[in-house]
Amino acid sequence: MKLNCVAPKEGYTWIRQGIWLFKQSPIGFLMLVFMYVFLAQLAVLVPVIGVFAVLVLTPTLSVGFMTACRQAIQKERIRPMVYLAALQSTAVVRKRILQLGLVYAALILALSFILSMLVDFELLLPLMTSDKPVTPEAIRQIYLVLFFGAILYIPVAMLMWFSPILVAWEDMSIPQALFSSCLACWTNRGAFFLYLAIWSVVLIAIPLIIGSALDAVDLGQAASFIVAPLSMAGLTVMHCSFFATWKACFADKEEATLLA
């Protein structure tokens, strides 16, 4: 394994490869994403513990989805139990992947604490409780949450993007994996910028435009029936494209050719 440096235009190629990979087993990949969303929503209903459990298990689930990508390329059937691939590995990998989950949970909790000092969440309560009309100040706070949240999450994303795979597949220690993941993202920052910019348009801008257009013609209730399936499909393809980023940044050229 070695770290590769790719051209910025590869950010688009990763998305195209993600689409190709999705086509190999669309039902299997949609099933995995639906399972994750459904179980995460159930876990959130359990105060504190549920959210913490989701955060701790995120690296484990990431390895599971990447394993499913490998299976799809090899024309194998994708099964729900693939999510447990990391936990079914060696004792060392199992221990490290759970420890990595604790690191991720700690980073998110720290991020949330910092964000709470930058944004007045009390102004956002009317949006969650519907007890009061939404004020312009509350809307401004929403934009602040999105802006500061995105800025603060960038270093977390860089640390965690490849580290679960490096721990599970390359037998790296947690410090090694975190450093290598961050280095890979920084080395290929041009490609990642283009990659994330395209996904921002696909997953955020386009659904908003569709929703606004339907609201304008009094078809707002139909928006969910159109936007939700498109968003689910886009989210699934994005997860498939994560495998393409791995292949481009770390795989040997011979291995990378397995991905169209």
Protein backbone atom coordinates (compact mmCIF):
# COMPACT_ATOMS: atom_id res chain seq x y z
CA MET A 1 0.00 0.00 0.00
CA LYS A 2 1.21 3.49 -0.81
CA LEU A 3 -0.25 6.98 -0.79
CA ASN A 4 -1.10 8.27 -4.26
CA CYS A 5 -1.39 11.90 -5.38
CA VAL A 6 -4.17 12.45 -7.92
CA ALA A 7 -5.23 15.37 -10.11
CA PRO A 8 -8.11 17.60 -8.93
CA LYS A 9 -10.31 16.39 -11.83
CA GLU A 10 -10.31 12.93 -10.23
CA GLY A 11 -12.97 14.23 -7.84
CA TYR A 12 -15.48 13.88 -10.68
CA THR A 13 -14.08 10.48 -11.64
CA TRP A 14 -14.75 9.19 -8.12
CA ILE A 15 -18.41 10.05 -8.47
CA ARG A 16 -18.62 8.39 -11.87
CA GLN A 17 -16.98 5.27 -10.42
CA GLY A 18 -19.41 5.38 -7.50
CA ILE A 19 -22.30 5.30 -9.98
CA TRP A 20 -20.71 2.32 -11.75
CA LEU A 21 -20.27 0.51 -8.44
CA PHE A 22 -23.86 1.24 -7.40
CA LYS A 23 -25.08 -0.33 -10.62
CA GLN A 24 -23.37 -3.62 -9.71
CA SER A 25 -25.81 -4.21 -6.83
CA PRO A 26 -28.34 -1.36 -6.45
CA ILE A 27 -30.74 -3.33 -4.26
CA GLY A 28 -27.96 -4.49 -1.94
CA PHE A 29 -26.50 -1.01 -1.47
CA LEU A 30 -29.90 0.62 -0.99
CA MET A 31 -30.70 -2.02 1.63
CA LEU A 32 -27.52 -1.20 3.56
CA VAL A 33 -28.13 2.55 3.54
CA PHE A 34 -31.79 2.12 4.48
CA MET A 35 -30.78 -0.16 7.36
CA TYR A 36 -28.28 2.39 8.64
CA VAL A 37 -30.75 5.30 8.46
CA PHE A 38 -33.53 3.25 10.08
CA LEU A 39 -31.36 1.93 12.94
CA ALA A 40 -29.81 5.35 13.52
CA GLN A 41 -33.27 6.89 13.86
CA LEU A 42 -34.26 4.20 16.34
CA ALA A 43 -31.06 4.67 18.34
CA VAL A 44 -31.60 8.43 18.58
CA LEU A 45 -34.86 7.72 20.43
CA VAL A 46 -32.78 6.36 23.31
CA PRO A 47 -31.52 9.44 25.21
CA VAL A 48 -27.73 9.94 25.22
CA ILE A 49 -26.84 6.24 24.97
CA GLY A 50 -28.43 5.81 21.54
CA VAL A 51 -26.52 8.69 19.93
CA PHE A 52 -23.28 7.61 21.62
CA ALA A 53 -23.72 4.04 20.33
CA VAL A 54 -24.24 5.27 16.75
CA LEU A 55 -21.07 7.37 16.93
CA VAL A 56 -18.98 4.53 18.39
CA LEU A 57 -20.19 2.07 15.75
CA THR A 58 -19.75 4.47 12.80
CA PRO A 59 -16.20 3.24 11.91
CA THR A 60 -17.42 -0.37 12.14
CA LEU A 61 -20.33 0.33 9.79
CA SER A 62 -17.99 2.19 7.43
CA VAL A 63 -15.77 -0.87 7.11
CA GLY A 64 -18.87 -2.98 6.52
CA PHE A 65 -20.05 -0.83 3.64
CA MET A 66 -16.60 -0.77 2.07
CA THR A 67 -16.48 -4.55 2.37
CA ALA A 68 -19.81 -4.65 0.53
CA CYS A 69 -18.24 -2.59 -2.25
CA ARG A 70 -15.51 -5.20 -2.58
CA GLN A 71 -18.14 -7.93 -2.73
CA ALA A 72 -20.08 -6.11 -5.44
CA ILE A 73 -16.95 -5.81 -7.60
CA GLN A 74 -16.36 -9.55 -7.16
CA LYS A 75 -20.01 -10.25 -8.10
CA GLU A 76 -20.81 -11.57 -4.62
CA ARG A 77 -24.17 -11.12 -2.97
CA ILE A 78 -24.39 -8.32 -0.41
CA ARG A 79 -25.90 -9.36 2.91
CA PRO A 80 -26.84 -7.24 5.97
CA MET A 81 -24.29 -9.07 8.13
CA VAL A 82 -21.51 -7.43 6.12
CA TYR A 83 -21.82 -4.54 8.55
CA LEU A 84 -20.20 -6.79 11.17
CA ALA A 85 -17.15 -7.59 9.02
CA ALA A 86 -14.75 -5.59 11.21
CA LEU A 87 -16.09 -7.11 14.43
CA GLN A 88 -15.72 -10.60 12.94
CA SER A 89 -12.05 -9.98 12.15
CA THR A 90 -9.13 -10.57 14.50
CA ALA A 91 -9.25 -9.55 18.15
CA VAL A 92 -6.74 -6.76 17.47
CA VAL A 93 -8.81 -5.27 14.65
CA ARG A 94 -12.00 -5.59 16.67
CA LYS A 95 -10.42 -3.76 19.60
CA ARG A 96 -8.93 -1.02 17.43
CA ILE A 97 -12.10 -0.37 15.43
CA LEU A 98 -14.12 0.08 18.62
CA GLN A 99 -11.43 2.32 20.08
CA LEU A 100 -11.52 4.34 16.86
CA GLY A 101 -15.27 4.66 17.40
CA LEU A 102 -14.61 6.11 20.85
CA VAL A 103 -12.19 8.60 19.29
CA TYR A 104 -14.84 9.61 16.74
CA ALA A 105 -17.49 10.00 19.46
CA ALA A 106 -15.12 12.17 21.49
CA LEU A 107 -14.37 14.36 18.46
CA ILE A 108 -18.07 14.85 17.69
CA LEU A 109 -18.86 15.67 21.32
CA ALA A 110 -16.02 18.21 21.37
CA LEU A 111 -17.28 19.68 18.09
CA SER A 112 -20.79 19.95 19.53
CA PHE A 113 -19.49 21.70 22.65
CA ILE A 114 -17.55 24.24 20.58
CA LEU A 115 -20.56 24.80 18.33
CA SER A 116 -22.78 25.43 21.35
CA MET A 117 -20.49 28.31 22.34
CA LEU A 118 -20.70 29.85 18.86
CA VAL A 119 -24.45 29.53 18.27
CA ASP A 120 -27.47 30.34 20.43
CA PHE A 121 -29.44 27.09 20.29
CA GLU A 122 -32.27 28.56 22.38
CA LEU A 123 -33.34 30.55 19.36
CA LEU A 124 -33.72 27.29 17.42
CA LEU A 125 -36.20 25.72 19.87
CA PRO A 126 -39.25 27.15 18.05
CA LEU A 127 -38.22 25.18 14.95
CA MET A 128 -38.12 21.93 16.93
CA THR A 129 -41.19 22.48 19.12
CA SER A 130 -43.34 24.62 16.78
CA ASP A 131 -44.50 26.53 19.85
CA LYS A 132 -43.57 29.89 18.39
CA PRO A 133 -43.26 31.37 14.90
CA VAL A 134 -39.83 31.20 13.35
CA THR A 135 -38.01 34.49 13.69
CA PRO A 136 -35.43 35.98 11.30
CA GLU A 137 -32.85 35.62 14.08
CA ALA A 138 -33.61 31.89 14.36
CA ILE A 139 -33.08 31.52 10.62
CA ARG A 140 -29.76 33.34 10.94
CA GLN A 141 -28.75 30.93 13.68
CA ILE A 142 -29.55 27.99 11.39
CA TYR A 143 -27.14 29.32 8.80
CA LEU A 144 -24.54 29.85 11.51
CA VAL A 145 -24.96 26.25 12.67
CA LEU A 146 -24.52 24.96 9.13
CA PHE A 147 -21.51 27.20 8.44
CA PHE A 148 -19.61 26.65 11.68
CA GLY A 149 -20.60 22.98 11.77
CA ALA A 150 -19.16 22.40 8.30
CA ILE A 151 -15.94 24.28 9.12
CA LEU A 152 -15.43 22.42 12.39
CA TYR A 153 -16.21 19.03 10.86
CA ILE A 154 -13.58 19.32 8.11
CA PRO A 155 -10.62 18.22 10.29
CA VAL A 156 -12.75 15.45 11.83
CA ALA A 157 -13.69 14.22 8.34
CA MET A 158 -10.04 14.25 7.27
CA LEU A 159 -9.03 12.17 10.27
CA MET A 160 -11.85 9.66 9.88
CA TRP A 161 -12.21 9.38 6.08
CA PHE A 162 -9.81 6.47 5.59
CA SER A 163 -8.84 5.51 9.16
CA PRO A 164 -11.47 2.74 9.63
CA ILE A 165 -10.25 0.99 6.47
CA LEU A 166 -6.60 1.49 7.36
CA VAL A 167 -7.25 -0.09 10.76
CA ALA A 168 -9.32 -3.00 9.42
CA TRP A 169 -7.59 -3.77 6.12
CA GLU A 170 -4.03 -2.49 6.57
CA ASP A 171 -3.55 -3.45 10.23
CA MET A 172 -2.52 0.09 11.21
CA SER A 173 -2.57 1.39 14.74
CA ILE A 174 -5.08 4.14 15.49
CA PRO A 175 -2.51 6.99 15.51
CA GLN A 176 -1.03 5.72 12.23
CA ALA A 177 -4.45 5.43 10.61
CA LEU A 178 -5.59 8.89 11.71
CA PHE A 179 -2.35 10.48 10.48
CA SER A 180 -2.42 8.61 7.15
CA SER A 181 -6.06 9.48 6.54
CA CYS A 182 -5.46 13.17 7.22
CA LEU A 183 -2.34 13.16 5.04
CA ALA A 184 -4.20 11.49 2.15
CA CYS A 185 -7.03 14.03 2.27
CA TRP A 186 -4.62 16.96 2.41
CA THR A 187 -2.41 15.60 -0.36
CA ASN A 188 -5.44 15.22 -2.64
CA ARG A 189 -7.33 18.28 -1.38
CA GLY A 190 -8.02 19.55 -4.90
CA ALA A 191 -9.82 16.34 -5.87
CA PHE A 192 -11.70 16.24 -2.57
CA PHE A 193 -12.81 19.85 -2.98
CA LEU A 194 -14.32 19.12 -6.39
CA TYR A 195 -15.79 15.85 -5.13
CA LEU A 196 -17.50 17.46 -2.13
CA ALA A 197 -18.64 20.47 -4.17
CA ILE A 198 -20.46 18.20 -6.63
CA TRP A 199 -22.10 16.21 -3.84
CA SER A 200 -23.18 19.44 -2.13
CA VAL A 201 -25.03 20.41 -5.28
CA VAL A 202 -26.56 16.96 -5.75
CA LEU A 203 -27.62 16.32 -2.15
CA ILE A 204 -28.41 19.84 -0.94
CA ALA A 205 -28.93 22.37 -3.73
CA ILE A 206 -30.97 20.22 -6.12
CA PRO A 207 -33.44 18.93 -3.46
CA LEU A 208 -33.92 22.51 -2.22
CA ILE A 209 -34.59 23.75 -5.74
CA ILE A 210 -37.06 20.94 -6.42
CA GLY A 211 -38.84 21.55 -3.12
CA SER A 212 -39.04 25.30 -3.70
CA ALA A 213 -40.32 24.82 -7.24
CA LEU A 214 -43.09 22.46 -6.06
CA ASP A 215 -44.02 24.85 -3.25
CA ALA A 216 -44.32 27.64 -5.77
CA VAL A 217 -46.99 25.70 -7.70
CA ASP A 218 -48.79 24.51 -4.54
CA LEU A 219 -47.44 20.97 -4.78
CA GLY A 220 -45.36 21.08 -1.62
CA GLN A 221 -46.91 17.89 -0.27
CA ALA A 222 -45.66 15.99 -3.31
CA ALA A 223 -42.09 17.15 -2.71
CA SER A 224 -41.32 14.41 -0.19
CA PHE A 225 -42.41 11.71 -2.66
CA ILE A 226 -39.94 13.06 -5.20
CA VAL A 227 -37.08 14.39 -3.10
CA ALA A 228 -36.85 11.50 -0.61
CA PRO A 229 -36.19 8.73 -3.20
CA LEU A 230 -33.74 10.94 -5.09
CA SER A 231 -31.91 11.82 -1.88
CA MET A 232 -31.74 8.17 -0.81
CA ALA A 233 -30.34 7.15 -4.19
CA GLY A 234 -27.83 10.01 -4.14
CA LEU A 235 -26.75 9.17 -0.60
CA THR A 236 -26.22 5.54 -1.58
CA VAL A 237 -24.14 6.43 -4.64
CA MET A 238 -22.08 8.79 -2.48
CA HIS A 239 -21.31 5.94 -0.07
CA CYS A 240 -20.28 3.79 -3.04
CA SER A 241 -17.98 6.56 -4.24
CA PHE A 242 -16.12 6.42 -0.90
CA PHE A 243 -14.63 3.17 -2.16
CA ALA A 244 -13.41 4.99 -5.28
CA THR A 245 -11.60 7.56 -3.11
CA TRP A 246 -9.88 4.70 -1.28
CA LYS A 247 -8.79 3.05 -4.50
CA ALA A 248 -7.46 6.31 -5.93
CA CYS A 249 -5.57 7.45 -2.83
CA PHE A 250 -4.13 4.18 -1.55
CA ALA A 251 -4.47 1.26 -3.96
CA ASP A 252 -1.78 0.14 -6.37
CA LYS A 253 -2.49 0.90 -10.03
CA GLU A 254 -3.13 -2.77 -10.79
CA GLU A 255 -5.68 -3.04 -7.99
CA ALA A 256 -7.32 0.28 -8.86
CA THR A 257 -8.13 -0.99 -12.37
CA LEU A 258 -10.71 -3.33 -10.80
CA LEU A 259 -12.94 -0.27 -10.48
CA ALA A 260 -14.31 0.93 -13.81
